[in-house]
């Protein structure tokens, strides 16, 4: 396995969180034409509010824990260590659940749209914890 500097792991985690967040919002936006005007407004506002709550109470704390965990590593570690190995099982489960929910008719797009916007917005905003850490680290190193 290729080994990288631990700061590269933080960049990878931040970019992936940002990218997945944008991807989820993009998927949700493809359903906008299926919604009435009222449902669309509810989905966007509800999704953003849900996303702020998820980011504040969940994903931001998770990002901080990941940063602390990564910082404990030696300088060069496996490129896949940006997440704990147990987290990969959760990611596979969440992706499978998302694919199932998108492709089944049991859950209407009116319900899925704010969920996807919420989780996407939460991932995107929480990804800035990684960038903030690197920015502070760079500032600290430049002022020595």
N, C-alpha and C. Protein backbone atom coordinates (compact mmCIF):
# COMPACT_ATOMS: atom_id res chain seq x y z
N UNK A 1 0.84 -1.19 0.00
CA UNK A 1 0.00 0.00 0.00
C UNK A 1 0.88 1.25 0.00
N UNK A 2 0.51 2.25 -0.80
CA UNK A 2 1.28 3.48 -0.80
C UNK A 2 1.15 4.20 0.55
N UNK A 3 2.24 4.80 0.97
CA UNK A 3 2.23 5.55 2.24
C UNK A 3 2.36 7.03 1.93
N UNK A 4 1.65 7.84 2.72
CA UNK A 4 1.65 9.28 2.52
C UNK A 4 1.81 9.99 3.87
N UNK A 5 2.14 11.25 3.80
CA UNK A 5 2.22 12.10 4.98
C UNK A 5 0.83 12.24 5.59
N UNK A 6 0.75 12.33 6.91
CA UNK A 6 -0.55 12.39 7.57
C UNK A 6 -1.36 13.62 7.16
N UNK A 7 -0.70 14.71 6.76
CA UNK A 7 -1.45 15.88 6.29
C UNK A 7 -2.14 15.60 4.96
N UNK A 8 -1.57 14.71 4.16
CA UNK A 8 -2.23 14.29 2.92
C UNK A 8 -3.51 13.54 3.25
N UNK A 9 -3.50 12.75 4.31
CA UNK A 9 -4.72 12.04 4.73
C UNK A 9 -5.82 13.03 5.09
N UNK A 10 -5.45 14.12 5.72
CA UNK A 10 -6.44 15.14 6.09
C UNK A 10 -6.99 15.80 4.83
N UNK A 11 -6.13 16.05 3.86
CA UNK A 11 -6.60 16.62 2.59
C UNK A 11 -7.54 15.64 1.89
N UNK A 12 -7.15 14.36 1.86
CA UNK A 12 -8.00 13.35 1.21
C UNK A 12 -9.37 13.31 1.88
N UNK A 13 -9.40 13.27 3.20
CA UNK A 13 -10.67 13.21 3.92
C UNK A 13 -11.52 14.44 3.61
N UNK A 14 -10.92 15.62 3.66
CA UNK A 14 -11.67 16.85 3.38
C UNK A 14 -12.23 16.88 1.97
N UNK A 15 -11.41 16.52 1.00
CA UNK A 15 -11.85 16.54 -0.40
C UNK A 15 -12.95 15.50 -0.63
N UNK A 16 -12.81 14.32 -0.05
CA UNK A 16 -13.85 13.31 -0.21
C UNK A 16 -15.16 13.74 0.44
N UNK A 17 -15.09 14.30 1.65
CA UNK A 17 -16.30 14.78 2.29
C UNK A 17 -16.96 15.87 1.47
N UNK A 18 -16.17 16.81 0.97
CA UNK A 18 -16.72 17.87 0.12
C UNK A 18 -17.35 17.28 -1.14
N UNK A 19 -16.60 16.39 -1.79
CA UNK A 19 -17.09 15.80 -3.04
C UNK A 19 -18.35 15.00 -2.88
N UNK A 20 -18.42 14.18 -1.85
CA UNK A 20 -19.62 13.38 -1.61
C UNK A 20 -20.79 14.30 -1.25
N UNK A 21 -20.53 15.34 -0.48
CA UNK A 21 -21.58 16.30 -0.15
C UNK A 21 -22.16 16.94 -1.40
N UNK A 22 -21.29 17.38 -2.29
CA UNK A 22 -21.74 18.00 -3.54
C UNK A 22 -22.49 16.97 -4.39
N UNK A 23 -21.99 15.74 -4.44
CA UNK A 23 -22.64 14.68 -5.21
C UNK A 23 -24.07 14.43 -4.71
N UNK A 24 -24.24 14.35 -3.39
CA UNK A 24 -25.57 14.10 -2.84
C UNK A 24 -26.54 15.24 -3.15
N UNK A 25 -26.05 16.47 -3.05
CA UNK A 25 -26.90 17.63 -3.38
C UNK A 25 -27.25 17.61 -4.86
N UNK A 26 -26.30 17.24 -5.69
CA UNK A 26 -26.54 17.16 -7.14
C UNK A 26 -27.59 16.09 -7.44
N UNK A 27 -27.50 14.95 -6.78
CA UNK A 27 -28.51 13.90 -6.98
C UNK A 27 -29.88 14.43 -6.59
N UNK A 28 -29.95 15.11 -5.45
CA UNK A 28 -31.24 15.66 -4.99
C UNK A 28 -31.78 16.69 -5.99
N UNK A 29 -30.90 17.48 -6.57
CA UNK A 29 -31.36 18.52 -7.50
C UNK A 29 -31.97 17.92 -8.77
N UNK A 30 -31.60 16.69 -9.10
CA UNK A 30 -32.20 16.03 -10.27
C UNK A 30 -33.66 15.64 -10.03
N UNK A 31 -34.09 15.67 -8.77
CA UNK A 31 -35.48 15.35 -8.45
C UNK A 31 -36.34 16.60 -8.34
N UNK A 32 -35.76 17.77 -8.44
CA UNK A 32 -36.52 19.01 -8.26
C UNK A 32 -37.72 19.09 -9.20
N UNK A 33 -37.56 18.65 -10.44
CA UNK A 33 -38.65 18.76 -11.41
C UNK A 33 -39.84 17.85 -11.06
N UNK A 34 -39.62 16.88 -10.18
CA UNK A 34 -40.69 15.97 -9.78
C UNK A 34 -41.55 16.55 -8.65
N UNK A 35 -41.11 17.65 -8.06
CA UNK A 35 -41.77 18.20 -6.89
C UNK A 35 -42.63 19.41 -7.25
N UNK A 36 -43.69 19.60 -6.47
CA UNK A 36 -44.48 20.82 -6.62
C UNK A 36 -43.65 21.98 -6.07
N UNK A 37 -44.09 23.18 -6.33
CA UNK A 37 -43.38 24.37 -5.85
C UNK A 37 -43.25 24.35 -4.32
N UNK A 38 -44.32 23.99 -3.63
CA UNK A 38 -44.31 23.95 -2.17
C UNK A 38 -43.37 22.86 -1.66
N UNK A 39 -43.41 21.69 -2.30
CA UNK A 39 -42.53 20.60 -1.91
C UNK A 39 -41.06 20.96 -2.15
N UNK A 40 -40.80 21.66 -3.24
CA UNK A 40 -39.44 22.07 -3.55
C UNK A 40 -38.92 23.04 -2.50
N UNK A 41 -39.72 24.03 -2.15
CA UNK A 41 -39.31 25.00 -1.13
C UNK A 41 -39.08 24.30 0.20
N UNK A 42 -40.01 23.42 0.58
CA UNK A 42 -39.85 22.66 1.83
C UNK A 42 -38.59 21.80 1.78
N UNK A 43 -38.34 21.14 0.65
CA UNK A 43 -37.18 20.26 0.52
C UNK A 43 -35.88 21.02 0.67
N UNK A 44 -35.79 22.16 0.02
CA UNK A 44 -34.54 22.92 0.08
C UNK A 44 -34.32 23.51 1.47
N UNK A 45 -35.34 24.18 2.01
CA UNK A 45 -35.19 24.78 3.34
C UNK A 45 -35.03 23.70 4.40
N UNK A 46 -35.87 22.68 4.33
CA UNK A 46 -35.78 21.58 5.30
C UNK A 46 -34.44 20.87 5.21
N UNK A 47 -33.97 20.65 3.99
CA UNK A 47 -32.68 19.99 3.80
C UNK A 47 -31.53 20.80 4.36
N UNK A 48 -31.55 22.11 4.12
CA UNK A 48 -30.48 22.96 4.64
C UNK A 48 -30.50 23.01 6.17
N UNK A 49 -31.70 23.11 6.75
CA UNK A 49 -31.80 23.11 8.22
C UNK A 49 -31.35 21.77 8.80
N UNK A 50 -31.78 20.69 8.17
CA UNK A 50 -31.35 19.36 8.59
C UNK A 50 -29.84 19.24 8.48
N UNK A 51 -29.29 19.73 7.37
CA UNK A 51 -27.85 19.68 7.15
C UNK A 51 -27.07 20.46 8.20
N UNK A 52 -27.56 21.64 8.56
CA UNK A 52 -26.88 22.42 9.60
C UNK A 52 -26.87 21.67 10.93
N UNK A 53 -28.00 21.05 11.25
CA UNK A 53 -28.07 20.29 12.51
C UNK A 53 -27.14 19.07 12.47
N UNK A 54 -27.18 18.32 11.37
CA UNK A 54 -26.31 17.14 11.26
C UNK A 54 -24.85 17.54 11.31
N UNK A 55 -24.52 18.63 10.63
CA UNK A 55 -23.13 19.09 10.62
C UNK A 55 -22.69 19.50 12.02
N UNK A 56 -23.51 20.29 12.68
CA UNK A 56 -23.14 20.82 13.99
C UNK A 56 -23.05 19.73 15.05
N UNK A 57 -24.06 18.87 15.09
CA UNK A 57 -24.14 17.88 16.16
C UNK A 57 -23.46 16.54 15.83
N UNK A 58 -23.16 16.30 14.56
CA UNK A 58 -22.62 15.01 14.20
C UNK A 58 -21.32 15.06 13.41
N UNK A 59 -21.40 15.49 12.17
CA UNK A 59 -20.26 15.36 11.27
C UNK A 59 -19.08 16.24 11.66
N UNK A 60 -19.32 17.42 12.20
CA UNK A 60 -18.19 18.27 12.61
C UNK A 60 -17.41 17.60 13.74
N UNK A 61 -18.12 17.01 14.68
CA UNK A 61 -17.45 16.28 15.76
C UNK A 61 -16.70 15.07 15.23
N UNK A 62 -17.28 14.38 14.27
CA UNK A 62 -16.62 13.24 13.66
C UNK A 62 -15.35 13.68 12.92
N UNK A 63 -15.43 14.80 12.22
CA UNK A 63 -14.25 15.31 11.52
C UNK A 63 -13.14 15.66 12.52
N UNK A 64 -13.52 16.27 13.63
CA UNK A 64 -12.52 16.61 14.66
C UNK A 64 -11.87 15.35 15.22
N UNK A 65 -12.67 14.31 15.46
CA UNK A 65 -12.11 13.04 15.94
C UNK A 65 -11.16 12.43 14.92
N UNK A 66 -11.56 12.49 13.65
CA UNK A 66 -10.69 11.96 12.58
C UNK A 66 -9.37 12.72 12.53
N UNK A 67 -9.43 14.03 12.67
CA UNK A 67 -8.21 14.84 12.63
C UNK A 67 -7.30 14.47 13.80
N UNK A 68 -7.87 14.33 14.98
CA UNK A 68 -7.07 13.94 16.15
C UNK A 68 -6.44 12.57 15.94
N UNK A 69 -7.23 11.63 15.43
CA UNK A 69 -6.74 10.28 15.20
C UNK A 69 -5.61 10.29 14.17
N UNK A 70 -5.80 11.01 13.08
CA UNK A 70 -4.78 11.08 12.04
C UNK A 70 -3.51 11.73 12.58
N UNK A 71 -3.65 12.73 13.42
CA UNK A 71 -2.49 13.42 13.98
C UNK A 71 -1.64 12.54 14.87
N UNK A 72 -2.21 11.47 15.39
CA UNK A 72 -1.45 10.55 16.23
C UNK A 72 -0.56 9.61 15.42
N UNK A 73 -0.80 9.53 14.12
CA UNK A 73 0.00 8.66 13.27
C UNK A 73 1.42 9.19 13.12
N UNK A 74 2.30 8.27 12.77
CA UNK A 74 3.65 8.67 12.35
C UNK A 74 3.48 9.41 11.02
N UNK A 75 4.55 10.02 10.55
CA UNK A 75 4.43 10.84 9.35
C UNK A 75 3.92 10.10 8.12
N UNK A 76 4.44 8.93 7.83
CA UNK A 76 4.00 8.21 6.63
C UNK A 76 3.15 7.01 7.01
N UNK A 77 1.90 7.03 6.53
CA UNK A 77 0.96 5.96 6.83
C UNK A 77 0.23 5.56 5.55
N UNK A 78 -0.48 4.45 5.63
CA UNK A 78 -1.24 3.94 4.49
C UNK A 78 -2.25 4.98 4.02
N UNK A 79 -2.36 5.12 2.73
CA UNK A 79 -3.24 6.13 2.13
C UNK A 79 -4.71 5.92 2.52
N UNK A 80 -5.10 4.70 2.87
CA UNK A 80 -6.49 4.41 3.24
C UNK A 80 -6.80 4.72 4.69
N UNK A 81 -5.81 5.20 5.45
CA UNK A 81 -6.00 5.43 6.89
C UNK A 81 -6.69 6.76 7.20
N UNK A 82 -7.21 7.45 6.18
CA UNK A 82 -7.92 8.70 6.46
C UNK A 82 -9.23 8.43 7.18
N UNK A 83 -9.72 7.17 7.14
CA UNK A 83 -10.86 6.74 7.93
C UNK A 83 -10.42 5.51 8.72
N UNK A 84 -11.06 5.29 9.87
CA UNK A 84 -10.81 4.04 10.60
C UNK A 84 -11.30 2.90 9.74
N UNK A 85 -10.68 1.75 9.86
CA UNK A 85 -11.06 0.63 9.00
C UNK A 85 -12.50 0.20 9.23
N UNK A 86 -13.01 0.35 10.45
CA UNK A 86 -14.40 -0.02 10.75
C UNK A 86 -15.39 0.88 10.00
N UNK A 87 -14.97 2.12 9.74
CA UNK A 87 -15.84 3.07 9.08
C UNK A 87 -16.15 2.65 7.65
N UNK A 88 -15.26 1.90 7.03
CA UNK A 88 -15.51 1.46 5.66
C UNK A 88 -16.75 0.57 5.57
N UNK A 89 -17.02 -0.21 6.60
CA UNK A 89 -18.24 -1.03 6.62
C UNK A 89 -19.48 -0.13 6.67
N UNK A 90 -19.42 0.93 7.48
CA UNK A 90 -20.53 1.88 7.57
C UNK A 90 -20.73 2.59 6.22
N UNK A 91 -19.65 2.96 5.57
CA UNK A 91 -19.74 3.63 4.27
C UNK A 91 -20.41 2.70 3.25
N UNK A 92 -20.01 1.45 3.22
CA UNK A 92 -20.61 0.48 2.29
C UNK A 92 -22.11 0.33 2.58
N UNK A 93 -22.46 0.24 3.87
CA UNK A 93 -23.87 0.13 4.24
C UNK A 93 -24.65 1.37 3.81
N UNK A 94 -24.11 2.55 4.08
CA UNK A 94 -24.80 3.80 3.75
C UNK A 94 -24.97 3.95 2.23
N UNK A 95 -23.93 3.61 1.48
CA UNK A 95 -24.04 3.69 0.03
C UNK A 95 -25.10 2.72 -0.49
N UNK A 96 -25.11 1.51 0.04
CA UNK A 96 -26.10 0.51 -0.37
C UNK A 96 -27.51 0.97 -0.03
N UNK A 97 -27.68 1.52 1.16
CA UNK A 97 -28.98 2.02 1.57
C UNK A 97 -29.43 3.17 0.66
N UNK A 98 -28.51 4.08 0.34
CA UNK A 98 -28.84 5.18 -0.55
C UNK A 98 -29.24 4.72 -1.93
N UNK A 99 -28.52 3.76 -2.47
CA UNK A 99 -28.85 3.21 -3.79
C UNK A 99 -30.23 2.54 -3.74
N UNK A 100 -30.48 1.78 -2.68
CA UNK A 100 -31.78 1.12 -2.53
C UNK A 100 -32.90 2.16 -2.45
N UNK A 101 -32.73 3.18 -1.62
CA UNK A 101 -33.78 4.18 -1.44
C UNK A 101 -34.03 4.96 -2.73
N UNK A 102 -32.98 5.25 -3.49
CA UNK A 102 -33.14 5.97 -4.75
C UNK A 102 -33.88 5.15 -5.79
N UNK A 103 -33.67 3.85 -5.77
CA UNK A 103 -34.21 2.99 -6.82
C UNK A 103 -35.50 2.27 -6.46
N UNK A 104 -36.02 2.51 -5.28
CA UNK A 104 -37.27 1.88 -4.89
C UNK A 104 -38.39 2.92 -4.96
N UNK A 105 -39.59 2.44 -5.15
CA UNK A 105 -40.73 3.37 -5.20
C UNK A 105 -41.38 3.52 -3.82
N UNK A 106 -40.83 2.85 -2.81
CA UNK A 106 -41.41 2.91 -1.47
C UNK A 106 -41.24 4.29 -0.84
N UNK A 107 -40.15 4.94 -1.17
CA UNK A 107 -39.86 6.24 -0.55
C UNK A 107 -39.99 7.32 -1.62
N UNK A 108 -40.95 8.23 -1.46
CA UNK A 108 -41.14 9.26 -2.48
C UNK A 108 -39.97 10.26 -2.50
N UNK A 109 -39.75 10.81 -3.67
CA UNK A 109 -38.65 11.78 -3.84
C UNK A 109 -38.86 13.00 -2.95
N UNK A 110 -40.11 13.29 -2.61
CA UNK A 110 -40.40 14.40 -1.71
C UNK A 110 -39.74 14.19 -0.34
N UNK A 111 -39.60 12.94 0.07
CA UNK A 111 -38.94 12.62 1.34
C UNK A 111 -37.43 12.51 1.14
N UNK A 112 -37.01 11.91 0.04
CA UNK A 112 -35.57 11.72 -0.21
C UNK A 112 -34.83 13.02 -0.46
N UNK A 113 -35.48 13.96 -1.14
CA UNK A 113 -34.80 15.20 -1.52
C UNK A 113 -34.24 15.96 -0.31
N UNK A 114 -35.03 16.25 0.73
CA UNK A 114 -34.43 16.96 1.87
C UNK A 114 -33.40 16.12 2.62
N UNK A 115 -33.56 14.79 2.61
CA UNK A 115 -32.57 13.92 3.26
C UNK A 115 -31.23 14.03 2.53
N UNK A 116 -31.27 13.95 1.22
CA UNK A 116 -30.04 14.03 0.44
C UNK A 116 -29.41 15.41 0.53
N UNK A 117 -30.24 16.45 0.48
CA UNK A 117 -29.71 17.81 0.64
C UNK A 117 -29.10 17.95 2.03
N UNK A 118 -29.79 17.46 3.05
CA UNK A 118 -29.31 17.58 4.42
C UNK A 118 -27.99 16.87 4.65
N UNK A 119 -27.91 15.64 4.24
CA UNK A 119 -26.66 14.88 4.45
C UNK A 119 -25.55 15.46 3.58
N UNK A 120 -25.88 15.84 2.35
CA UNK A 120 -24.88 16.44 1.47
C UNK A 120 -24.35 17.75 2.01
N UNK A 121 -25.26 18.61 2.47
CA UNK A 121 -24.86 19.90 3.03
C UNK A 121 -24.04 19.71 4.30
N UNK A 122 -24.42 18.74 5.12
CA UNK A 122 -23.69 18.47 6.36
C UNK A 122 -22.28 17.99 6.06
N UNK A 123 -22.13 17.07 5.12
CA UNK A 123 -20.79 16.59 4.74
C UNK A 123 -19.95 17.73 4.18
N UNK A 124 -20.55 18.53 3.31
CA UNK A 124 -19.82 19.63 2.69
C UNK A 124 -19.34 20.64 3.74
N UNK A 125 -20.23 21.07 4.62
CA UNK A 125 -19.83 22.07 5.62
C UNK A 125 -18.85 21.50 6.63
N UNK A 126 -19.05 20.24 7.04
CA UNK A 126 -18.14 19.63 8.01
C UNK A 126 -16.76 19.39 7.41
N UNK A 127 -16.68 19.26 6.09
CA UNK A 127 -15.37 19.05 5.44
C UNK A 127 -14.43 20.22 5.68
N UNK A 128 -14.99 21.38 5.96
CA UNK A 128 -14.15 22.55 6.20
C UNK A 128 -13.39 22.46 7.51
N UNK A 129 -13.75 21.54 8.40
CA UNK A 129 -12.95 21.30 9.61
C UNK A 129 -11.56 20.80 9.23
N UNK A 130 -11.50 19.96 8.20
CA UNK A 130 -10.21 19.46 7.72
C UNK A 130 -9.37 20.60 7.14
N UNK A 131 -9.99 21.43 6.31
CA UNK A 131 -9.26 22.54 5.69
C UNK A 131 -8.82 23.56 6.73
N UNK A 132 -9.70 23.80 7.71
CA UNK A 132 -9.39 24.74 8.79
C UNK A 132 -8.17 24.26 9.56
N UNK A 133 -8.12 22.96 9.86
CA UNK A 133 -6.98 22.41 10.58
C UNK A 133 -5.69 22.64 9.80
N UNK A 134 -5.70 22.33 8.51
CA UNK A 134 -4.50 22.50 7.69
C UNK A 134 -4.09 23.96 7.57
N UNK A 135 -5.08 24.85 7.47
CA UNK A 135 -4.80 26.27 7.40
C UNK A 135 -4.13 26.75 8.69
N UNK A 136 -4.68 26.33 9.84
CA UNK A 136 -4.09 26.72 11.12
C UNK A 136 -2.69 26.13 11.28
N UNK A 137 -2.50 24.90 10.85
CA UNK A 137 -1.19 24.26 10.91
C UNK A 137 -0.18 25.02 10.07
N UNK A 138 -0.58 25.39 8.88
CA UNK A 138 0.32 26.15 7.99
C UNK A 138 0.65 27.52 8.59
N UNK A 139 -0.38 28.18 9.12
CA UNK A 139 -0.17 29.50 9.75
C UNK A 139 0.78 29.38 10.93
N UNK A 140 0.58 28.34 11.74
CA UNK A 140 1.43 28.10 12.91
C UNK A 140 2.89 27.84 12.47
N UNK A 141 3.06 27.02 11.44
CA UNK A 141 4.42 26.70 10.96
C UNK A 141 5.09 27.90 10.30
N UNK A 142 4.32 28.77 9.68
CA UNK A 142 4.90 29.96 9.03
C UNK A 142 5.28 31.03 10.04
N UNK A 143 4.71 30.98 11.22
CA UNK A 143 5.00 32.00 12.24
C UNK A 143 6.02 31.54 13.27
N UNK A 144 6.71 30.46 12.98
CA UNK A 144 7.75 29.98 13.91
C UNK A 144 9.04 30.70 13.64
